[in-house]
Amino acid sequence: MAAHQVASVADTLPLEWKYVSEGGATAVFSYVGPSDPQFDGMVLRLRKCPLGQPFRSAEEMTQEEPDDATVEFQQRCMERLVPPIHLPRMVSVKLNEPWLRAFSEAHNIDRRAERRRVDEIDWSRTKGVLATDLIGTDGLAVEIKPKWGFLPSPKHLTTTTSSVKARTCRFCMHVHLKVLQGDTDVSVGYCPLDLFSGNPERIKLALESLWSSWLATDGTVNNWKMFVAGMIVRPQTIHDLKVTLLGHGSDEDDPNVLRDKCVELLMPLLTDTPVLKVLAKLQRTLDILDIEGLSSLWHRTLVSYADPAAGPDTPLSPVGQTSSLFESPDPTIDDWSKFIDQYLMQIGTTTEEEKMNHAQPLTSNLRYYLMAYLLSATFKDCSIIVKPTMPGMHGKDSITIIDLDPKGMDRLRKWERLDAQIALAYGRIDEASRKICVDAGVDAW
């Protein structure tokens, strides 16, 4: 299904867009030009590419570029798993090289130096994505990246890792590793299981921890970002946030007072919304085997397909990598749609004959488990934009899930290695000193 397209964004001037933020794959800009019903209240998402990477060839650029997969993926897949009211509106838009070159030159200075050193806007693209501006032009908006909201079942863990991974959540262990490696842009003290608990006191603790990390990292931590009137707020530029939360004329300088007011505004939305429950359930029911169980199933499958003449020491390809014995290309949108048919049937059926036995997964179901893990990763890495209605403002409260891009098979090997590294580092801590993360379960809400 082709996505609906609006008129070319290249009809606007590059400076009619304002830099908002960026992730690993895209940069986001909000429209600030003359009123135009096509662009008012919208942001433009542009794909990036690594510095020095060849752009699309001249031959490729003469061919019709498909719409950004994010648009079609949301329309055909995400809207079947997440209530559409909690998803942004997205449409495909046309671009061209001269406009993108000028746009990149105009806005590169707005990007953080560490980003400019590694990538840039891909000006060979002919399509972009126009989406709802969730940050808005007034009031407060908070972006939260919740991360993993559950503990894995010990069923598919080794005896070495189960004592670690079944008690301390992946996020808290990963923070420990990052600190060991000297990374200071981390949310120390925050546990996603608190945010996903359904318990107001634990949700409040999670928000306070995220705020504290925001202060401690000078606003560079990626799990918590705040925006006022569409502009990102950092601790050193907190005046606008103070005015928004406490009103003009306030002489309050205690950041804890601002924190408490912010938490007070967010709490009713986060305790009443189905969004966190939906994310928690999707993460858990899609990641059934953990990366360890998935890797084990991968290798069992390769062995079962192997040439009988191959010796016991014949190397097997890493999980998710294309093998001469087993092809594993990235899923197409059609593949994802069919997978969701199967997934929804699996979680909805009460007939034992139709259910997969996840305790003893079959090699014939490997493709299902691979795709399930990739989709779980999408929900583990997404963000939510929480926008409370401020006094005197029009509109209504909203919570929207963003960054729901499909992941590629080539990421699985990296995740497998990282998982082992995280568990090994945390396992070196004295057992009595390890953090115990409390998983309230998917029915907590």
Protein backbone atom coordinates (compact mmCIF):
# COMPACT_ATOMS: atom_id res chain seq x y z
CA MET A 1 0.00 0.00 0.00
CA ALA A 2 1.62 3.26 -1.08
CA ALA A 3 1.68 6.04 1.47
CA HIS A 4 -0.22 9.25 0.69
CA GLN A 5 2.10 12.05 -0.44
CA VAL A 6 1.78 15.78 0.06
CA ALA A 7 3.41 18.45 -2.10
CA SER A 8 7.19 18.62 -2.27
CA VAL A 9 8.90 19.88 0.87
CA ALA A 10 11.43 21.41 -1.52
CA ASP A 11 8.90 24.17 -2.11
CA THR A 12 9.79 25.48 1.37
CA LEU A 13 13.00 27.26 2.37
CA PRO A 14 15.54 25.32 4.49
CA LEU A 15 15.40 28.03 7.20
CA GLU A 16 11.64 27.55 7.49
CA TRP A 17 12.53 24.42 9.45
CA LYS A 18 14.05 24.29 12.95
CA TYR A 19 16.35 21.53 14.21
CA VAL A 20 14.72 19.49 17.00
CA SER A 21 16.76 16.35 17.65
CA GLU A 22 18.23 13.27 16.01
CA GLY A 23 18.88 9.58 16.56
CA GLY A 24 21.18 7.09 14.92
CA ALA A 25 19.28 6.96 11.63
CA THR A 26 17.31 10.19 11.26
CA ALA A 27 17.31 13.89 12.10
CA VAL A 28 14.11 15.76 12.96
CA PHE A 29 13.14 19.35 12.08
CA SER A 30 9.93 21.26 12.91
CA TYR A 31 8.16 23.63 10.53
CA VAL A 32 8.37 27.31 11.54
CA GLY A 33 7.64 28.96 8.19
CA PRO A 34 4.58 30.86 6.97
CA SER A 35 1.28 29.18 7.79
CA ASP A 36 0.63 26.27 5.43
CA PRO A 37 -2.00 23.61 6.17
CA GLN A 38 0.30 20.92 4.77
CA PHE A 39 3.18 21.70 7.12
CA ASP A 40 1.71 23.49 10.16
CA GLY A 41 2.15 21.37 13.29
CA MET A 42 4.42 18.88 11.50
CA VAL A 43 8.04 17.75 11.68
CA LEU A 44 10.28 16.49 8.89
CA ARG A 45 12.31 13.31 9.41
CA LEU A 46 15.35 13.04 7.15
CA ARG A 47 17.53 9.96 6.78
CA LYS A 48 21.23 10.23 7.62
CA CYS A 49 24.28 8.36 6.34
CA PRO A 50 27.80 7.91 7.76
CA LEU A 51 30.39 10.50 6.75
CA GLY A 52 32.36 9.24 3.80
CA GLN A 53 29.78 6.62 2.83
CA PRO A 54 28.99 6.73 -0.90
CA PHE A 55 25.58 8.19 -1.60
CA ARG A 56 23.19 6.42 -3.94
CA SER A 57 24.65 5.93 -7.40
CA ALA A 58 23.54 7.98 -10.39
CA GLU A 59 21.73 4.90 -11.71
CA GLU A 60 19.93 4.39 -8.41
CA MET A 61 18.93 8.05 -8.29
CA THR A 62 17.20 7.75 -11.67
CA GLN A 63 14.95 5.03 -10.26
CA GLU A 64 11.82 5.75 -8.24
CA GLU A 65 12.77 5.62 -4.57
CA PRO A 66 10.25 3.72 -2.44
CA ASP A 67 8.47 5.55 0.34
CA ASP A 68 10.29 5.46 3.66
CA ALA A 69 9.63 2.06 5.20
CA THR A 70 8.65 3.73 8.48
CA VAL A 71 5.42 5.05 6.96
CA GLU A 72 4.24 1.78 5.47
CA PHE A 73 5.44 -0.20 8.51
CA GLN A 74 3.28 1.94 10.79
CA GLN A 75 0.23 1.76 8.54
CA ARG A 76 0.34 -1.98 7.91
CA CYS A 77 1.91 -3.29 11.10
CA MET A 78 2.16 -0.95 14.08
CA GLU A 79 -1.47 0.14 13.89
CA ARG A 80 -2.45 -3.50 14.43
CA LEU A 81 -0.44 -3.72 17.67
CA VAL A 82 -0.74 -0.23 19.16
CA PRO A 83 -3.94 1.85 19.43
CA PRO A 84 -3.63 4.33 16.52
CA ILE A 85 -4.51 7.22 18.85
CA HIS A 86 -1.08 6.69 20.42
CA LEU A 87 0.81 6.83 17.10
CA PRO A 88 1.84 9.96 15.18
CA ARG A 89 0.34 10.77 11.78
CA MET A 90 2.93 10.17 9.05
CA VAL A 91 3.01 10.79 5.29
CA SER A 92 5.69 10.50 2.63
CA VAL A 93 7.07 13.70 1.05
CA LYS A 94 9.22 14.42 -2.00
CA LEU A 95 12.77 15.80 -1.74
CA ASN A 96 15.54 16.64 -4.18
CA GLU A 97 19.33 16.84 -4.03
CA PRO A 98 19.86 20.63 -4.38
CA TRP A 99 17.35 21.35 -1.61
CA LEU A 100 18.83 18.69 0.70
CA ARG A 101 22.36 20.00 0.14
CA ALA A 102 21.25 23.53 1.04
CA PHE A 103 19.22 22.19 3.97
CA SER A 104 22.18 20.22 5.31
CA GLU A 105 24.51 23.22 5.05
CA ALA A 106 21.99 25.48 6.79
CA HIS A 107 21.35 23.15 9.74
CA ASN A 108 24.60 21.28 10.29
CA ILE A 109 25.73 23.91 12.80
CA ASP A 110 22.64 23.16 14.93
CA ARG A 111 23.72 19.56 15.45
CA ARG A 112 25.94 18.45 18.32
CA ALA A 113 29.62 18.17 17.43
CA GLU A 114 29.81 14.45 18.22
CA ARG A 115 26.99 13.84 15.72
CA ARG A 116 28.61 15.97 13.00
CA ARG A 117 31.79 13.94 13.31
CA VAL A 118 30.15 10.65 12.34
CA ASP A 119 27.21 11.29 9.99
CA GLU A 120 25.26 13.79 7.90
CA ILE A 121 21.92 14.21 6.15
CA ASP A 122 21.74 11.89 3.15
CA TRP A 123 21.14 14.36 0.33
CA SER A 124 20.76 11.58 -2.25
CA ARG A 125 17.32 10.71 -0.89
CA THR A 126 14.22 11.68 -2.86
CA LYS A 127 11.67 10.88 -0.13
CA GLY A 128 11.29 11.92 3.49
CA VAL A 129 8.68 11.59 6.23
CA LEU A 130 6.37 14.30 7.49
CA ALA A 131 4.95 13.51 10.92
CA THR A 132 2.92 15.11 13.69
CA ASP A 133 4.93 17.66 15.68
CA LEU A 134 4.58 16.09 19.12
CA ILE A 135 6.89 18.57 20.80
CA GLY A 136 4.50 21.37 19.89
CA THR A 137 4.86 25.10 19.84
CA ASP A 138 3.64 25.73 23.38
CA GLY A 139 3.67 24.10 26.79
CA LEU A 140 5.74 21.19 28.05
CA ALA A 141 6.58 17.92 26.29
CA VAL A 142 8.69 15.15 27.81
CA GLU A 143 10.34 12.40 25.79
CA ILE A 144 10.98 9.19 27.73
CA LYS A 145 12.84 6.18 26.37
CA PRO A 146 11.54 3.45 28.74
CA LYS A 147 13.78 0.56 27.50
CA TRP A 148 13.33 -3.10 28.61
CA GLY A 149 10.35 -3.63 30.91
CA PHE A 150 10.71 -7.26 32.03
CA LEU A 151 13.05 -9.94 33.33
CA PRO A 152 13.69 -12.94 31.05
CA SER A 153 12.46 -16.40 31.93
CA PRO A 154 15.34 -18.58 33.22
CA LYS A 155 14.14 -21.38 30.92
CA HIS A 156 16.49 -20.54 28.06
CA LEU A 157 19.36 -19.03 30.07
CA THR A 158 22.55 -20.85 30.99
CA THR A 159 23.31 -21.65 34.61
CA THR A 160 26.00 -18.96 34.47
CA THR A 161 23.73 -16.15 33.33
CA SER A 162 20.40 -17.11 34.94
CA SER A 163 21.56 -16.11 38.42
CA VAL A 164 22.31 -12.64 37.04
CA LYS A 165 19.79 -11.96 34.27
CA ALA A 166 16.76 -13.34 36.10
CA ARG A 167 17.26 -10.97 39.06
CA THR A 168 18.68 -7.74 37.63
CA CYS A 169 17.10 -6.14 34.57
CA ARG A 170 18.98 -5.69 31.31
CA PHE A 171 18.95 -1.89 31.57
CA CYS A 172 20.42 -1.72 35.07
CA MET A 173 23.15 -4.20 34.14
CA HIS A 174 23.93 -2.26 30.97
CA VAL A 175 24.26 0.97 32.95
CA HIS A 176 26.80 -0.78 35.18
CA LEU A 177 28.86 -1.80 32.14
CA LYS A 178 28.70 1.70 30.65
CA VAL A 179 29.93 3.22 33.91
CA LEU A 180 32.82 0.74 33.96
CA GLN A 181 33.68 1.86 30.43
CA GLY A 182 33.72 5.51 31.48
CA ASP A 183 30.39 6.56 29.95
CA THR A 184 28.87 9.41 31.95
CA ASP A 185 25.70 9.94 29.85
CA VAL A 186 23.72 7.22 31.63
CA SER A 187 20.57 7.08 33.76
CA VAL A 188 22.07 5.79 37.00
CA GLY A 189 19.33 4.86 39.47
CA TYR A 190 16.54 4.51 36.91
CA CYS A 191 14.97 1.05 36.53
CA PRO A 192 12.48 0.48 33.69
CA LEU A 193 10.70 -2.14 35.78
CA ASP A 194 9.61 0.69 38.10
CA LEU A 195 8.09 2.64 35.19
CA PHE A 196 6.32 -0.48 33.87
CA SER A 197 5.17 -1.66 37.31
CA GLY A 198 1.69 -0.12 37.32
CA ASN A 199 2.43 1.00 40.88
CA PRO A 200 2.12 4.81 41.31
CA GLU A 201 4.91 4.99 43.89
CA ARG A 202 7.31 3.06 41.67
CA ILE A 203 6.35 5.10 38.60
CA LYS A 204 7.03 8.27 40.58
CA LEU A 205 10.41 6.87 41.64
CA ALA A 206 11.25 6.15 37.99
CA LEU A 207 10.41 9.71 36.93
CA GLU A 208 12.41 11.23 39.79
CA SER A 209 15.39 9.03 38.88
CA LEU A 210 15.21 10.10 35.24
CA TRP A 211 15.09 13.76 36.28
CA SER A 212 18.11 13.28 38.57
CA SER A 213 20.07 11.70 35.71
CA TRP A 214 19.05 14.58 33.44
CA LEU A 215 20.52 17.03 35.96
CA ALA A 216 23.65 14.97 36.60
CA THR A 217 24.45 14.63 32.89
CA ASP A 218 23.66 18.25 32.01
CA GLY A 219 20.72 17.05 29.93
CA THR A 220 22.69 14.69 27.67
CA VAL A 221 21.14 11.43 28.90
CA ASN A 222 18.92 9.96 26.18
CA ASN A 223 16.21 8.42 28.39
CA TRP A 224 14.72 11.80 29.37
CA LYS A 225 14.39 14.95 27.31
CA MET A 226 12.22 18.01 28.00
CA PHE A 227 10.91 20.56 25.54
CA VAL A 228 9.23 23.91 26.13
CA ALA A 229 7.58 25.74 23.22
CA GLY A 230 9.24 23.25 20.88
CA MET A 231 12.77 23.91 22.16
CA ILE A 232 14.84 21.38 24.07
CA VAL A 233 15.56 22.35 27.68
CA ARG A 234 18.88 21.68 29.40
CA PRO A 235 19.74 22.34 33.06
CA GLN A 236 21.74 25.46 32.17
CA THR A 237 18.76 26.90 30.25
CA ILE A 238 16.04 26.01 32.72
CA HIS A 239 14.35 29.45 32.87
CA ASP A 240 11.68 28.66 30.26
CA LEU A 241 10.84 25.42 32.05
CA LYS A 242 10.49 27.32 35.33
CA VAL A 243 8.09 29.81 33.73
CA THR A 244 6.06 27.00 32.17
CA LEU A 245 5.80 24.98 35.37
CA LEU A 246 5.59 27.70 38.03
CA GLY A 247 4.44 30.79 36.12
CA HIS A 248 5.96 34.20 35.51
CA GLY A 249 7.45 35.93 38.52
CA SER A 250 8.51 32.79 40.37
CA ASP A 251 11.84 33.17 42.13
CA GLU A 252 12.08 29.46 42.97
CA ASP A 253 15.61 28.15 42.32
CA ASP A 254 15.37 24.68 43.88
CA PRO A 255 15.45 22.15 41.00
CA ASN A 256 13.64 19.65 43.23
CA VAL A 257 10.59 21.94 43.25
CA LEU A 258 10.61 21.93 39.45
CA ARG A 259 11.08 18.17 39.49
CA ASP A 260 8.11 17.66 41.80
CA LYS A 261 5.88 19.88 39.66
CA CYS A 262 6.92 18.10 36.49
CA VAL A 263 6.32 14.67 38.05
CA GLU A 264 2.96 15.87 39.36
CA LEU A 265 1.90 16.79 35.81
CA LEU A 266 3.08 13.52 34.27
CA MET A 267 1.84 11.06 36.88
CA PRO A 268 -1.90 11.08 35.98
CA LEU A 269 -1.10 10.50 32.31
CA LEU A 270 1.31 7.63 32.94
CA THR A 271 -0.90 5.87 35.48
CA ASP A 272 -4.07 6.14 33.37
CA THR A 273 -2.71 5.40 29.90
CA PRO A 274 -2.67 1.90 28.34
CA VAL A 275 0.60 2.74 26.56
CA LEU A 276 3.01 1.31 29.14
CA LYS A 277 0.94 -1.87 29.50
CA VAL A 278 0.86 -2.31 25.71
CA LEU A 279 4.64 -1.87 25.44
CA ALA A 280 5.32 -4.21 28.36
CA LYS A 281 3.14 -6.96 26.89
CA LEU A 282 4.59 -6.61 23.40
CA GLN A 283 8.19 -6.70 24.63
CA ARG A 284 7.60 -9.76 26.79
CA THR A 285 5.47 -11.84 24.40
CA LEU A 286 7.75 -11.19 21.44
CA ASP A 287 11.04 -11.90 23.25
CA ILE A 288 10.11 -15.39 24.41
CA LEU A 289 13.50 -17.08 24.21
CA ASP A 290 15.92 -14.30 25.19
CA ILE A 291 18.87 -13.81 22.85
CA GLU A 292 20.51 -16.87 24.43
CA GLY A 293 17.63 -19.19 23.58
CA LEU A 294 17.36 -17.65 20.11
CA SER A 295 21.06 -18.25 19.49
CA SER A 296 20.73 -21.84 20.67
CA LEU A 297 17.78 -22.43 18.33
CA TRP A 298 19.71 -20.82 15.46
CA HIS A 299 22.63 -23.20 15.89
CA ARG A 300 20.39 -26.24 16.32
CA THR A 301 18.72 -25.30 13.04
CA LEU A 302 22.02 -24.92 11.20
CA VAL A 303 23.22 -28.27 12.51
CA SER A 304 20.02 -29.94 11.35
CA TYR A 305 20.50 -28.46 7.86
CA ALA A 306 24.23 -29.20 7.72
CA ASP A 307 25.91 -31.55 5.29
CA PRO A 308 26.25 -34.93 7.08
CA ALA A 309 29.86 -35.04 5.87
CA ALA A 310 30.69 -31.86 7.80
CA GLY A 311 32.87 -32.45 10.84
CA PRO A 312 31.92 -31.55 14.43
CA ASP A 313 34.25 -28.56 14.36
CA THR A 314 32.75 -27.02 11.22
CA PRO A 315 32.12 -23.35 12.13
CA LEU A 316 28.53 -22.16 12.11
CA SER A 317 27.51 -18.66 11.11
CA PRO A 318 26.58 -16.27 13.96
CA VAL A 319 22.92 -15.77 14.82
CA GLY A 320 21.07 -13.75 12.18
CA GLN A 321 23.86 -13.90 9.60
CA THR A 322 23.23 -15.31 6.14
CA SER A 323 24.69 -18.81 5.91
CA SER A 324 25.33 -21.17 3.03
CA LEU A 325 23.10 -23.55 4.95
CA PHE A 326 20.37 -21.14 5.98
CA GLU A 327 19.25 -17.94 4.29
CA SER A 328 18.05 -15.14 6.59
CA PRO A 329 17.26 -11.99 4.60
CA ASP A 330 15.64 -9.01 6.28
CA PRO A 331 11.83 -9.24 6.38
CA THR A 332 9.83 -7.20 3.89
CA ILE A 333 6.72 -5.27 4.90
CA ASP A 334 4.67 -8.18 3.54
CA ASP A 335 6.70 -10.56 5.74
CA TRP A 336 6.02 -8.38 8.78
CA SER A 337 2.31 -8.26 8.05
CA LYS A 338 2.13 -12.05 7.78
CA PHE A 339 4.19 -12.43 10.94
CA ILE A 340 1.77 -10.21 12.87
CA ASP A 341 -1.10 -12.40 11.64
CA GLN A 342 0.69 -15.38 13.19
CA TYR A 343 1.69 -13.53 16.37
CA LEU A 344 -1.84 -12.28 17.05
CA MET A 345 -3.16 -15.78 16.50
CA GLN A 346 -0.60 -17.19 18.92
CA ILE A 347 -1.38 -14.79 21.78
CA GLY A 348 -5.12 -14.99 21.15
CA THR A 349 -5.64 -18.71 20.78
CA THR A 350 -6.74 -20.95 23.63
CA THR A 351 -6.28 -24.13 21.62
CA GLU A 352 -3.19 -26.03 22.73
CA GLU A 353 -2.83 -27.61 19.27
CA GLU A 354 -2.36 -24.17 17.72
CA LYS A 355 0.08 -22.85 20.30
CA MET A 356 3.83 -23.06 19.85
CA ASN A 357 5.69 -24.82 22.63
CA HIS A 358 8.08 -22.01 23.57
CA ALA A 359 9.67 -24.19 26.26
CA GLN A 360 10.93 -26.49 23.49
CA PRO A 361 11.02 -24.38 20.32
CA LEU A 362 11.08 -26.20 17.00
CA THR A 363 13.75 -25.51 14.40
CA SER A 364 10.93 -25.22 11.85
CA ASN A 365 9.77 -22.09 13.71
CA LEU A 366 13.16 -20.35 13.70
CA ARG A 367 12.03 -17.62 11.31
CA TYR A 368 9.10 -16.78 13.60
CA TYR A 369 11.37 -16.44 16.65
CA LEU A 370 13.92 -14.34 14.75
CA MET A 371 11.25 -11.89 13.61
CA ALA A 372 9.63 -11.87 17.04
CA TYR A 373 12.92 -10.89 18.66
CA LEU A 374 13.52 -8.11 16.11
CA LEU A 375 10.04 -6.70 16.71
CA SER A 376 10.54 -6.89 20.46
CA ALA A 377 13.73 -4.87 19.98
CA THR A 378 11.70 -2.17 18.24
CA PHE A 379 9.47 -1.83 21.30
CA LYS A 380 12.46 -1.93 23.66
CA ASP A 381 14.11 0.95 21.83
CA CYS A 382 11.13 3.21 21.15
CA SER A 383 10.29 6.46 22.96
CA ILE A 384 7.08 7.99 24.26
CA ILE A 385 6.21 11.68 24.08
CA VAL A 386 4.14 12.79 27.07
CA LYS A 387 2.41 16.15 26.61
CA PRO A 388 0.28 17.33 29.56
CA THR A 389 -2.21 20.17 29.14
CA MET A 390 -0.91 23.22 30.97
CA PRO A 391 -3.16 25.77 32.73
CA GLY A 392 -4.62 28.21 30.21
CA MET A 393 -3.74 26.01 27.25
CA HIS A 394 -6.13 24.54 24.72
CA GLY A 395 -5.94 20.94 23.61
CA LYS A 396 -5.76 17.77 25.66
CA ASP A 397 -3.25 15.45 27.29
CA SER A 398 -1.52 13.04 24.94
CA ILE A 399 0.94 10.15 24.99
CA THR A 400 2.42 9.07 21.67
CA ILE A 401 4.86 6.27 20.81
CA ILE A 402 7.62 7.18 18.36
CA ASP A 403 10.72 5.59 16.77
CA LEU A 404 8.99 2.34 15.81
CA ASP A 405 11.34 1.46 12.95
CA PRO A 406 11.88 -2.21 12.04
CA LYS A 407 15.26 -3.68 12.97
CA GLY A 408 17.53 -5.68 10.67
CA MET A 409 18.82 -9.23 11.04
CA ASP A 410 22.41 -7.98 11.02
CA ARG A 411 21.86 -6.50 14.49
CA LEU A 412 21.34 -9.90 16.14
CA ARG A 413 25.03 -10.84 16.31
CA LYS A 414 25.89 -7.49 17.87
CA TRP A 415 23.11 -7.89 20.45
CA GLU A 416 24.26 -11.42 21.27
CA ARG A 417 27.80 -10.23 21.94
CA LEU A 418 26.63 -7.24 23.96
CA ASP A 419 24.30 -9.38 26.05
CA ALA A 420 27.16 -11.72 26.95
CA GLN A 421 29.42 -8.78 27.77
CA ILE A 422 26.76 -7.17 30.00
CA ALA A 423 26.01 -10.38 31.91
CA LEU A 424 29.71 -11.19 32.36
CA ALA A 425 30.51 -7.73 33.74
CA TYR A 426 27.58 -7.78 36.14
CA GLY A 427 28.34 -11.34 37.23
CA ARG A 428 31.70 -10.14 38.56
CA ILE A 429 29.92 -8.09 41.23
CA ASP A 430 29.65 -9.70 44.64
CA GLU A 431 26.22 -11.36 44.74
CA ALA A 432 25.18 -9.52 47.89
CA SER A 433 25.82 -6.19 46.14
CA ARG A 434 23.77 -6.91 43.00
CA LYS A 435 20.61 -4.94 42.44
CA ILE A 436 17.34 -6.87 42.61
CA CYS A 437 14.85 -5.53 40.05
CA VAL A 438 11.21 -6.37 40.74
CA ASP A 439 9.22 -7.54 37.71
CA ALA A 440 5.54 -6.89 38.44
CA GLY A 441 4.51 -9.00 35.46
CA VAL A 442 2.37 -8.20 32.44
CA ASP A 443 -0.85 -8.28 34.49
CA ALA A 444 0.32 -5.57 36.89
CA TRP A 445 -1.89 -3.01 35.16
